[in-house]
């Protein structure tokens, strides 16, 4: 692993099916909320009068346990107010990510991942809060991605179909790039100026050790 890599966030990704235009895998995750649901969903963490899709959310994620939903919602809102939880579900601190994963959004439906890159790429993207965390050696590298910041979340080169620029690119069972980080960096440079108006950057995705 490159020595100057930093982890700038954690995502609890709901494992879903790969979009049809990318493949037919039954397993797919992404740190782009264009392609993947992330928990906790701050827009559904308002707490006191659940109705509409929030009622469905309570049933789907909490088995109808309203009190568990309210406890989770209170914690999520507290972190959001402190800029420790983003609109797209990016969690800044490992301990908070582990808390939500262990208490509410665990396996097998969800996967907790970290996202890391070189700081020079973060400097080129829209400013957003992050800590300079060294990637944890106990976490498992499960692939790479190419993403770009847009207002409050990230786009992936996949949601722009820019993977077609690389017909020989390999992908993992979860729809991540099965390429070395350095190869992903070369690919990011090739697609600059294409797709969404963002600065594309390579990232490593690691499955967080939850033991």
Protein backbone atom coordinates (compact mmCIF):
# COMPACT_ATOMS: atom_id res chain seq x y z
CA UNK A 1 0.00 0.00 0.00
CA UNK A 2 1.24 3.48 -0.84
CA UNK A 3 2.63 5.25 2.21
CA UNK A 4 0.83 8.53 1.60
CA UNK A 5 -2.68 7.07 1.47
CA UNK A 6 -5.29 8.49 3.84
CA UNK A 7 -8.76 7.26 4.73
CA UNK A 8 -11.28 10.08 4.44
CA UNK A 9 -14.47 8.31 5.39
CA UNK A 10 -16.52 5.20 6.01
CA UNK A 11 -19.70 3.99 4.37
CA UNK A 12 -22.24 1.40 5.43
CA UNK A 13 -23.29 0.11 2.01
CA UNK A 14 -26.45 -1.86 1.40
CA UNK A 15 -25.44 -4.82 -0.73
CA UNK A 16 -27.62 -4.83 -3.83
CA UNK A 17 -27.79 -6.16 -7.34
CA UNK A 18 -25.51 -4.77 -10.00
CA UNK A 19 -27.25 -2.30 -12.33
CA UNK A 20 -28.18 -4.07 -15.57
CA UNK A 21 -25.94 -1.90 -17.71
CA UNK A 22 -22.93 -2.97 -15.63
CA UNK A 23 -23.66 -6.67 -15.27
CA UNK A 24 -25.87 -9.22 -13.59
CA UNK A 25 -24.13 -9.82 -10.28
CA UNK A 26 -26.28 -10.25 -7.17
CA UNK A 27 -23.66 -8.40 -5.15
CA UNK A 28 -22.87 -4.73 -5.67
CA UNK A 29 -21.65 -1.83 -3.52
CA UNK A 30 -20.43 1.68 -4.22
CA UNK A 31 -19.50 4.76 -2.20
CA UNK A 32 -21.49 6.76 -4.76
CA UNK A 33 -25.06 7.25 -3.61
CA UNK A 34 -26.06 7.37 -7.27
CA UNK A 35 -25.58 3.61 -7.29
CA UNK A 36 -25.90 2.41 -3.70
CA UNK A 37 -27.91 3.10 -0.55
CA UNK A 38 -25.86 4.14 2.48
CA UNK A 39 -26.86 4.06 6.12
CA UNK A 40 -27.79 5.92 8.15
CA UNK A 41 -29.95 7.91 5.72
CA UNK A 42 -29.94 11.32 7.33
CA UNK A 43 -33.00 12.48 5.34
CA UNK A 44 -35.00 9.77 7.12
CA UNK A 45 -33.62 10.51 10.58
CA UNK A 46 -36.16 13.08 11.74
CA UNK A 47 -37.57 10.91 14.44
CA UNK A 48 -40.79 12.03 16.00
CA UNK A 49 -43.52 11.68 13.36
CA UNK A 50 -42.60 8.81 11.02
CA UNK A 51 -44.94 8.61 8.06
CA UNK A 52 -44.78 7.78 4.37
CA UNK A 53 -41.43 6.31 3.37
CA UNK A 54 -40.14 6.70 6.94
CA UNK A 55 -42.69 4.16 8.14
CA UNK A 56 -41.48 1.79 5.43
CA UNK A 57 -37.90 2.56 6.46
CA UNK A 58 -38.64 1.63 10.09
CA UNK A 59 -40.21 -1.65 9.00
CA UNK A 60 -37.47 -2.49 6.51
CA UNK A 61 -34.41 -1.58 8.59
CA UNK A 62 -35.66 -1.96 12.17
CA UNK A 63 -38.30 -4.65 11.91
CA UNK A 64 -40.93 -2.11 12.95
CA UNK A 65 -39.06 -1.24 16.17
CA UNK A 66 -39.82 2.48 16.44
CA UNK A 67 -37.76 2.93 19.61
CA UNK A 68 -34.64 1.52 17.93
CA UNK A 69 -35.27 3.86 15.00
CA UNK A 70 -35.55 6.86 17.32
CA UNK A 71 -32.31 5.96 19.13
CA UNK A 72 -30.48 5.60 15.83
CA UNK A 73 -32.03 8.81 14.52
CA UNK A 74 -30.94 10.81 17.56
CA UNK A 75 -27.35 9.58 17.22
CA UNK A 76 -27.29 10.24 13.48
CA UNK A 77 -28.63 13.78 13.86
CA UNK A 78 -26.08 14.52 16.58
CA UNK A 79 -23.22 13.48 14.28
CA UNK A 80 -24.69 15.37 11.33
CA UNK A 81 -24.84 18.59 13.36
CA UNK A 82 -21.12 18.16 14.16
CA UNK A 83 -20.15 17.50 10.51
CA UNK A 84 -19.26 13.92 11.42
CA UNK A 85 -21.92 12.43 9.14
CA UNK A 86 -22.53 13.59 5.58
CA UNK A 87 -25.72 13.83 3.56
CA UNK A 88 -24.53 10.84 1.51
CA UNK A 89 -23.94 8.68 4.58
CA UNK A 90 -20.17 9.22 4.77
CA UNK A 91 -19.10 8.76 8.39
CA UNK A 92 -15.87 10.47 9.40
CA UNK A 93 -14.88 8.46 12.47
CA UNK A 94 -14.25 4.74 12.54
CA UNK A 95 -15.79 4.31 15.98
CA UNK A 96 -19.07 5.90 14.85
CA UNK A 97 -19.18 3.75 11.71
CA UNK A 98 -18.63 0.62 13.81
CA UNK A 99 -21.36 1.70 16.22
CA UNK A 100 -24.03 2.03 13.50
CA UNK A 101 -22.89 -1.19 11.82
CA UNK A 102 -22.90 -3.25 15.00
CA UNK A 103 -26.11 -1.82 16.44
CA UNK A 104 -28.34 -1.34 13.39
CA UNK A 105 -26.95 -2.05 9.93
CA UNK A 106 -24.89 -5.23 9.99
CA UNK A 107 -24.17 -8.24 7.81
CA UNK A 108 -25.36 -9.91 5.67
CA UNK A 109 -27.44 -7.06 4.22
CA UNK A 110 -24.82 -4.35 4.69
CA UNK A 111 -21.06 -3.98 4.35
CA UNK A 112 -18.92 -1.44 6.20
CA UNK A 113 -16.14 -0.06 4.02
CA UNK A 114 -13.48 2.61 4.20
CA UNK A 115 -12.49 4.82 1.27
CA UNK A 116 -8.90 6.04 0.85
CA UNK A 117 -6.81 8.02 -1.60
CA UNK A 118 -3.82 10.34 -1.75
CA UNK A 119 -4.37 13.77 -0.21
CA UNK A 120 -3.41 15.51 -3.44
CA UNK A 121 -6.63 14.23 -5.00
CA UNK A 122 -8.75 15.47 -2.12
CA UNK A 123 -7.24 18.91 -2.54
CA UNK A 124 -8.52 18.96 -6.13
CA UNK A 125 -12.08 18.15 -5.10
CA UNK A 126 -14.73 20.34 -3.50
CA UNK A 127 -13.77 21.09 0.08
CA UNK A 128 -15.40 18.84 2.66
CA UNK A 129 -14.49 17.75 6.18
CA UNK A 130 -12.23 14.74 6.65
CA UNK A 131 -9.54 13.51 9.01
CA UNK A 132 -6.10 12.31 7.94
CA UNK A 133 -6.49 8.69 8.97
CA UNK A 134 -3.93 6.05 8.03
CA UNK A 135 -5.68 3.03 6.46
CA UNK A 136 -6.05 0.23 9.01
CA UNK A 137 -3.84 -2.76 8.27
CA UNK A 138 -6.54 -5.11 9.57
CA UNK A 139 -9.00 -4.04 6.87
CA UNK A 140 -9.33 -6.02 3.63
CA UNK A 141 -8.76 -4.39 0.25
CA UNK A 142 -11.71 -5.43 -1.93
CA UNK A 143 -11.19 -3.20 -4.97
CA UNK A 144 -10.78 0.31 -6.32
CA UNK A 145 -13.10 2.91 -7.78
CA UNK A 146 -12.90 6.27 -9.51
CA UNK A 147 -15.09 8.94 -7.93
CA UNK A 148 -15.57 12.71 -7.98
CA UNK A 149 -17.15 15.07 -5.46
CA UNK A 150 -20.32 16.94 -6.44
CA UNK A 151 -21.87 19.23 -3.78
CA UNK A 152 -22.59 16.75 -0.95
CA UNK A 153 -21.81 13.34 -2.43
CA UNK A 154 -19.69 11.45 -4.92
CA UNK A 155 -20.30 10.32 -8.45
CA UNK A 156 -18.63 7.14 -9.70
CA UNK A 157 -17.23 6.72 -13.17
CA UNK A 158 -19.62 3.76 -13.38
CA UNK A 159 -22.76 5.88 -13.07
CA UNK A 160 -21.44 7.87 -16.04
CA UNK A 161 -20.76 4.65 -18.01
CA UNK A 162 -17.14 5.74 -18.32
CA UNK A 163 -16.09 2.14 -17.73
CA UNK A 164 -16.70 1.74 -21.47
CA UNK A 165 -13.49 3.72 -21.97
CA UNK A 166 -11.65 0.69 -20.60
CA UNK A 167 -12.93 -2.49 -22.28
CA UNK A 168 -10.17 -4.56 -20.68
CA UNK A 169 -10.86 -3.38 -17.12
CA UNK A 170 -11.58 -6.13 -14.61
CA UNK A 171 -14.22 -5.96 -11.88
CA UNK A 172 -14.77 -7.80 -8.61
CA UNK A 173 -17.91 -9.62 -7.55
CA UNK A 174 -19.06 -6.38 -5.89
CA UNK A 175 -18.65 -4.25 -9.02
CA UNK A 176 -15.40 -2.60 -7.89
CA UNK A 177 -12.34 -2.25 -10.06
CA UNK A 178 -10.18 -5.34 -9.78
CA UNK A 179 -7.07 -3.34 -10.62
CA UNK A 180 -4.12 -1.94 -8.69
CA UNK A 181 -4.55 1.55 -7.26
CA UNK A 182 -1.87 2.87 -9.61
CA UNK A 183 -3.85 1.55 -12.60
CA UNK A 184 -6.98 3.24 -11.28
CA UNK A 185 -5.00 6.50 -11.03
CA UNK A 186 -4.03 6.24 -14.70
CA UNK A 187 -7.65 5.58 -15.63
CA UNK A 188 -8.79 8.61 -13.60
CA UNK A 189 -6.41 10.84 -15.52
CA UNK A 190 -7.70 9.51 -18.83
CA UNK A 191 -11.34 10.40 -18.10
CA UNK A 192 -10.77 13.89 -16.68
CA UNK A 193 -13.22 16.25 -18.35
CA UNK A 194 -15.64 13.47 -19.25
CA UNK A 195 -18.97 12.60 -17.66
CA UNK A 196 -20.03 14.66 -14.65
CA UNK A 197 -18.24 18.01 -14.13
CA UNK A 198 -16.09 16.67 -11.29
CA UNK A 199 -12.43 15.98 -10.64
CA UNK A 200 -12.10 12.21 -10.94
CA UNK A 201 -9.87 10.57 -8.37
CA UNK A 202 -8.82 6.98 -7.72
CA UNK A 203 -9.81 5.42 -4.40
CA UNK A 204 -9.17 2.17 -2.58
CA UNK A 205 -12.17 0.45 -1.01
CA UNK A 206 -11.49 -1.71 2.04
CA UNK A 207 -13.88 -3.91 4.00
CA UNK A 208 -13.58 -2.73 7.60
CA UNK A 209 -12.70 -5.33 10.20
CA UNK A 210 -15.65 -5.37 12.59
CA UNK A 211 -14.26 -7.86 15.12
